[in-house]
């Protein structure tokens, strides 16, 4: 009789486990939308200079060039003219360039008004550390599906023919 109670207990335990697994699989909270793959771009939190939340998912299908910089960073500012050249040479149907600082919207806006750059400045609300950024400037190149293709650390001449061609190849 003891052995039959043991078998009954094991069968009951297995039945409860199977029921739990079945319930998890049919949980309405686990919809396809919730199971969608979270991309690198989805982890980046931004706001525009009007304070509106931005999502890089709005740029799916384009290569995103996200330059991380600061108003106090001399190498960052020195790099911006070459970014303007790059921006002028790229097809806006395939690429978007964004310039994110973690400083306040007010400070970024004052910088934009004071300088003559025609770039899309925004505010990074994620931390640099959360993105694995330890030095400025850092440029993140994100593919059409939102995955990180390349991280370029330090100043670079983005307007050079070599750089422009390298970036264009990423859209293929």
C-alpha atoms as a PDB file:
ATOM      1  CA  UNK A   1       0.000   0.000   0.000  1.00  0.00           C
ATOM      2  CA  UNK A   2       2.899   2.358   0.734  1.00  0.00           C
ATOM      3  CA  UNK A   3       4.296   1.815  -2.761  1.00  0.00           C
ATOM      4  CA  UNK A   4       0.956   2.583  -4.420  1.00  0.00           C
ATOM      5  CA  UNK A   5       0.627   5.842  -2.413  1.00  0.00           C
ATOM      6  CA  UNK A   6       4.143   6.787  -3.579  1.00  0.00           C
ATOM      7  CA  UNK A   7       3.240   6.119  -7.239  1.00  0.00           C
ATOM      8  CA  UNK A   8       0.016   8.104  -6.817  1.00  0.00           C
ATOM      9  CA  UNK A   9       1.963  11.011  -5.278  1.00  0.00           C
ATOM     10  CA  UNK A  10       4.506  10.993  -8.134  1.00  0.00           C
ATOM     11  CA  UNK A  11       1.727  10.896 -10.736  1.00  0.00           C
ATOM     12  CA  UNK A  12       0.021  13.814  -9.012  1.00  0.00           C
ATOM     13  CA  UNK A  13       3.275  15.805  -8.908  1.00  0.00           C
ATOM     14  CA  UNK A  14       3.981  15.139 -12.592  1.00  0.00           C
ATOM     15  CA  UNK A  15       0.405  16.118 -13.473  1.00  0.00           C
ATOM     16  CA  UNK A  16       0.700  19.412 -11.595  1.00  0.00           C
ATOM     17  CA  UNK A  17       4.033  20.180 -13.292  1.00  0.00           C
ATOM     18  CA  UNK A  18       2.568  19.450 -16.729  1.00  0.00           C
ATOM     19  CA  UNK A  19      -0.443  21.623 -15.965  1.00  0.00           C
ATOM     20  CA  UNK A  20       1.857  24.468 -14.944  1.00  0.00           C
ATOM     21  CA  UNK A  21       3.881  24.146 -18.137  1.00  0.00           C
ATOM     22  CA  UNK A  22       0.713  24.084 -20.243  1.00  0.00           C
ATOM     23  CA  UNK A  23      -0.652  27.153 -18.486  1.00  0.00           C
ATOM     24  CA  UNK A  24       2.585  29.038 -19.083  1.00  0.00           C
ATOM     25  CA  UNK A  25       2.469  28.247 -22.780  1.00  0.00           C
ATOM     26  CA  UNK A  26      -1.057  29.544 -23.175  1.00  0.00           C
ATOM     27  CA  UNK A  27      -0.703  32.583 -20.923  1.00  0.00           C
ATOM     28  CA  UNK A  28      -2.293  35.503 -22.820  1.00  0.00           C
ATOM     29  CA  UNK A  29       0.370  37.827 -21.420  1.00  0.00           C
ATOM     30  CA  UNK A  30       2.962  35.932 -23.433  1.00  0.00           C
ATOM     31  CA  UNK A  31       1.714  37.175 -26.799  1.00  0.00           C
ATOM     32  CA  UNK A  32       3.885  37.262 -29.921  1.00  0.00           C
ATOM     33  CA  UNK A  33       4.471  40.966 -29.314  1.00  0.00           C
ATOM     34  CA  UNK A  34       5.913  40.293 -25.860  1.00  0.00           C
ATOM     35  CA  UNK A  35       8.068  37.480 -27.200  1.00  0.00           C
ATOM     36  CA  UNK A  36       9.537  39.675 -29.968  1.00  0.00           C
ATOM     37  CA  UNK A  37      13.310  39.904 -29.855  1.00  0.00           C
ATOM     38  CA  UNK A  38      14.614  42.972 -28.052  1.00  0.00           C
ATOM     39  CA  UNK A  39      17.315  44.567 -30.190  1.00  0.00           C
ATOM     40  CA  UNK A  40      20.296  46.681 -29.210  1.00  0.00           C
ATOM     41  CA  UNK A  41      18.451  49.765 -30.499  1.00  0.00           C
ATOM     42  CA  UNK A  42      15.458  48.986 -28.258  1.00  0.00           C
ATOM     43  CA  UNK A  43      17.707  49.418 -25.200  1.00  0.00           C
ATOM     44  CA  UNK A  44      18.589  53.012 -26.124  1.00  0.00           C
ATOM     45  CA  UNK A  45      16.347  55.631 -24.534  1.00  0.00           C
ATOM     46  CA  UNK A  46      16.221  59.094 -26.108  1.00  0.00           C
ATOM     47  CA  UNK A  47      14.237  62.317 -26.120  1.00  0.00           C
ATOM     48  CA  UNK A  48      14.224  65.060 -28.721  1.00  0.00           C
ATOM     49  CA  UNK A  49      14.981  68.668 -27.817  1.00  0.00           C
ATOM     50  CA  UNK A  50      11.286  69.283 -27.179  1.00  0.00           C
ATOM     51  CA  UNK A  51      11.322  66.585 -24.480  1.00  0.00           C
ATOM     52  CA  UNK A  52       9.387  64.034 -26.563  1.00  0.00           C
ATOM     53  CA  UNK A  53      10.370  60.384 -26.107  1.00  0.00           C
ATOM     54  CA  UNK A  54      11.990  58.939 -29.220  1.00  0.00           C
ATOM     55  CA  UNK A  55      12.321  55.338 -30.322  1.00  0.00           C
ATOM     56  CA  UNK A  56      15.009  54.080 -32.652  1.00  0.00           C
ATOM     57  CA  UNK A  57      12.468  51.511 -33.864  1.00  0.00           C
ATOM     58  CA  UNK A  58      11.003  54.404 -35.899  1.00  0.00           C
ATOM     59  CA  UNK A  59      14.121  54.120 -38.060  1.00  0.00           C
ATOM     60  CA  UNK A  60      13.889  50.365 -38.762  1.00  0.00           C
ATOM     61  CA  UNK A  61      15.009  49.691 -42.297  1.00  0.00           C
ATOM     62  CA  UNK A  62      17.713  52.374 -42.097  1.00  0.00           C
ATOM     63  CA  UNK A  63      21.270  52.219 -40.848  1.00  0.00           C
ATOM     64  CA  UNK A  64      21.426  54.402 -37.734  1.00  0.00           C
ATOM     65  CA  UNK A  65      24.603  56.318 -37.009  1.00  0.00           C
ATOM     66  CA  UNK A  66      24.320  57.368 -33.381  1.00  0.00           C
ATOM     67  CA  UNK A  67      27.113  59.674 -32.275  1.00  0.00           C
ATOM     68  CA  UNK A  68      27.494  59.957 -28.506  1.00  0.00           C
ATOM     69  CA  UNK A  69      29.077  63.238 -27.517  1.00  0.00           C
ATOM     70  CA  UNK A  70      29.021  66.082 -24.979  1.00  0.00           C
ATOM     71  CA  UNK A  71      29.090  69.862 -25.174  1.00  0.00           C
ATOM     72  CA  UNK A  72      32.247  69.951 -23.001  1.00  0.00           C
ATOM     73  CA  UNK A  73      34.106  67.354 -25.115  1.00  0.00           C
ATOM     74  CA  UNK A  74      36.584  69.105 -27.434  1.00  0.00           C
ATOM     75  CA  UNK A  75      37.269  65.993 -29.596  1.00  0.00           C
ATOM     76  CA  UNK A  76      33.494  65.500 -29.956  1.00  0.00           C
ATOM     77  CA  UNK A  77      33.024  69.058 -31.233  1.00  0.00           C
ATOM     78  CA  UNK A  78      36.065  68.762 -33.499  1.00  0.00           C
ATOM     79  CA  UNK A  79      34.474  65.662 -35.086  1.00  0.00           C
ATOM     80  CA  UNK A  80      31.078  67.282 -35.824  1.00  0.00           C
ATOM     81  CA  UNK A  81      32.050  69.057 -39.101  1.00  0.00           C
ATOM     82  CA  UNK A  82      33.099  65.709 -40.611  1.00  0.00           C
ATOM     83  CA  UNK A  83      29.757  64.278 -39.502  1.00  0.00           C
ATOM     84  CA  UNK A  84      28.005  67.061 -41.426  1.00  0.00           C
ATOM     85  CA  UNK A  85      29.985  66.063 -44.537  1.00  0.00           C
ATOM     86  CA  UNK A  86      29.007  62.406 -44.010  1.00  0.00           C
ATOM     87  CA  UNK A  87      25.363  63.377 -43.549  1.00  0.00           C
ATOM     88  CA  UNK A  88      25.399  65.350 -46.815  1.00  0.00           C
ATOM     89  CA  UNK A  89      26.874  62.389 -48.714  1.00  0.00           C
ATOM     90  CA  UNK A  90      24.417  59.748 -47.486  1.00  0.00           C
ATOM     91  CA  UNK A  91      20.984  58.920 -48.857  1.00  0.00           C
ATOM     92  CA  UNK A  92      18.409  59.723 -46.187  1.00  0.00           C
ATOM     93  CA  UNK A  93      16.286  56.773 -47.360  1.00  0.00           C
ATOM     94  CA  UNK A  94      19.018  54.407 -46.166  1.00  0.00           C
ATOM     95  CA  UNK A  95      20.659  56.257 -43.250  1.00  0.00           C
ATOM     96  CA  UNK A  96      19.849  58.447 -40.272  1.00  0.00           C
ATOM     97  CA  UNK A  97      22.404  60.350 -38.193  1.00  0.00           C
ATOM     98  CA  UNK A  98      21.600  61.241 -34.588  1.00  0.00           C
ATOM     99  CA  UNK A  99      23.777  63.088 -32.076  1.00  0.00           C
ATOM    100  CA  UNK A 100      23.019  62.169 -28.468  1.00  0.00           C
ATOM    101  CA  UNK A 101      24.389  63.774 -25.314  1.00  0.00           C
ATOM    102  CA  UNK A 102      23.404  62.792 -21.783  1.00  0.00           C
ATOM    103  CA  UNK A 103      23.376  66.449 -20.760  1.00  0.00           C
ATOM    104  CA  UNK A 104      20.154  68.381 -20.178  1.00  0.00           C
ATOM    105  CA  UNK A 105      17.912  69.321 -23.099  1.00  0.00           C
ATOM    106  CA  UNK A 106      18.523  72.980 -22.171  1.00  0.00           C
ATOM    107  CA  UNK A 107      22.311  72.624 -22.380  1.00  0.00           C
ATOM    108  CA  UNK A 108      22.135  70.778 -25.724  1.00  0.00           C
ATOM    109  CA  UNK A 109      19.696  73.373 -27.090  1.00  0.00           C
ATOM    110  CA  UNK A 110      21.988  76.242 -26.041  1.00  0.00           C
ATOM    111  CA  UNK A 111      24.910  74.497 -27.766  1.00  0.00           C
ATOM    112  CA  UNK A 112      22.841  74.018 -30.943  1.00  0.00           C
ATOM    113  CA  UNK A 113      21.811  77.696 -30.948  1.00  0.00           C
ATOM    114  CA  UNK A 114      25.356  78.902 -30.324  1.00  0.00           C
ATOM    115  CA  UNK A 115      27.039  76.696 -32.965  1.00  0.00           C
ATOM    116  CA  UNK A 116      26.209  76.447 -36.651  1.00  0.00           C
ATOM    117  CA  UNK A 117      25.909  72.671 -36.987  1.00  0.00           C
ATOM    118  CA  UNK A 118      22.926  71.346 -38.940  1.00  0.00           C
ATOM    119  CA  UNK A 119      22.674  68.044 -37.134  1.00  0.00           C
ATOM    120  CA  UNK A 120      19.892  66.178 -35.346  1.00  0.00           C
ATOM    121  CA  UNK A 121      20.844  66.731 -31.699  1.00  0.00           C
ATOM    122  CA  UNK A 122      18.947  64.706 -29.095  1.00  0.00           C
ATOM    123  CA  UNK A 123      19.256  63.721 -25.438  1.00  0.00           C
ATOM    124  CA  UNK A 124      20.302  60.263 -24.315  1.00  0.00           C
ATOM    125  CA  UNK A 125      18.296  59.209 -21.262  1.00  0.00           C
ATOM    126  CA  UNK A 126      19.987  55.797 -21.046  1.00  0.00           C
ATOM    127  CA  UNK A 127      23.395  55.919 -19.420  1.00  0.00           C
ATOM    128  CA  UNK A 128      26.577  55.702 -21.435  1.00  0.00           C
ATOM    129  CA  UNK A 129      27.591  52.820 -19.186  1.00  0.00           C
ATOM    130  CA  UNK A 130      24.436  50.847 -20.045  1.00  0.00           C
ATOM    131  CA  UNK A 131      25.511  51.002 -23.684  1.00  0.00           C
ATOM    132  CA  UNK A 132      29.092  49.994 -22.909  1.00  0.00           C
ATOM    133  CA  UNK A 133      30.411  53.460 -23.719  1.00  0.00           C
ATOM    134  CA  UNK A 134      33.442  54.511 -21.699  1.00  0.00           C
ATOM    135  CA  UNK A 135      34.898  57.272 -23.870  1.00  0.00           C
ATOM    136  CA  UNK A 136      33.607  60.181 -25.939  1.00  0.00           C
ATOM    137  CA  UNK A 137      33.095  60.558 -28.767  1.00  0.00           C
ATOM    138  CA  UNK A 138      31.756  57.096 -29.512  1.00  0.00           C
ATOM    139  CA  UNK A 139      29.766  56.370 -32.631  1.00  0.00           C
ATOM    140  CA  UNK A 140      27.397  53.417 -32.716  1.00  0.00           C
ATOM    141  CA  UNK A 141      26.418  52.040 -36.092  1.00  0.00           C
ATOM    142  CA  UNK A 142      23.167  50.103 -35.877  1.00  0.00           C
ATOM    143  CA  UNK A 143      21.854  47.974 -38.732  1.00  0.00           C
ATOM    144  CA  UNK A 144      18.414  48.051 -40.360  1.00  0.00           C
ATOM    145  CA  UNK A 145      17.008  45.553 -37.855  1.00  0.00           C
ATOM    146  CA  UNK A 146      18.299  47.384 -34.766  1.00  0.00           C
ATOM    147  CA  UNK A 147      21.437  45.373 -34.014  1.00  0.00           C
ATOM    148  CA  UNK A 148      24.825  46.924 -33.279  1.00  0.00           C
ATOM    149  CA  UNK A 149      27.153  46.576 -36.270  1.00  0.00           C
ATOM    150  CA  UNK A 150      30.100  48.622 -35.092  1.00  0.00           C
ATOM    151  CA  UNK A 151      31.280  50.791 -32.234  1.00  0.00           C
ATOM    152  CA  UNK A 152      33.823  53.443 -33.239  1.00  0.00           C
ATOM    153  CA  UNK A 153      35.622  54.937 -30.230  1.00  0.00           C
ATOM    154  CA  UNK A 154      37.360  58.288 -30.521  1.00  0.00           C
ATOM    155  CA  UNK A 155      37.516  61.012 -33.109  1.00  0.00           C
ATOM    156  CA  UNK A 156      37.378  60.077 -36.790  1.00  0.00           C
ATOM    157  CA  UNK A 157      37.181  61.922 -40.096  1.00  0.00           C
ATOM    158  CA  UNK A 158      33.727  60.701 -41.067  1.00  0.00           C
ATOM    159  CA  UNK A 159      33.649  62.856 -44.197  1.00  0.00           C
ATOM    160  CA  UNK A 160      36.619  61.134 -45.853  1.00  0.00           C
ATOM    161  CA  UNK A 161      35.884  59.056 -48.952  1.00  0.00           C
ATOM    162  CA  UNK A 162      37.078  55.928 -47.134  1.00  0.00           C
ATOM    163  CA  UNK A 163      34.688  56.520 -44.216  1.00  0.00           C
ATOM    164  CA  UNK A 164      31.759  57.374 -46.482  1.00  0.00           C
ATOM    165  CA  UNK A 165      32.279  54.210 -48.554  1.00  0.00           C
ATOM    166  CA  UNK A 166      32.655  52.087 -45.427  1.00  0.00           C
ATOM    167  CA  UNK A 167      29.338  53.412 -44.117  1.00  0.00           C
ATOM    168  CA  UNK A 168      27.571  52.930 -47.475  1.00  0.00           C
ATOM    169  CA  UNK A 169      28.683  49.291 -47.526  1.00  0.00           C
ATOM    170  CA  UNK A 170      26.817  48.734 -44.274  1.00  0.00           C
ATOM    171  CA  UNK A 171      23.495  49.456 -45.962  1.00  0.00           C
ATOM    172  CA  UNK A 172      23.940  46.630 -48.481  1.00  0.00           C
END
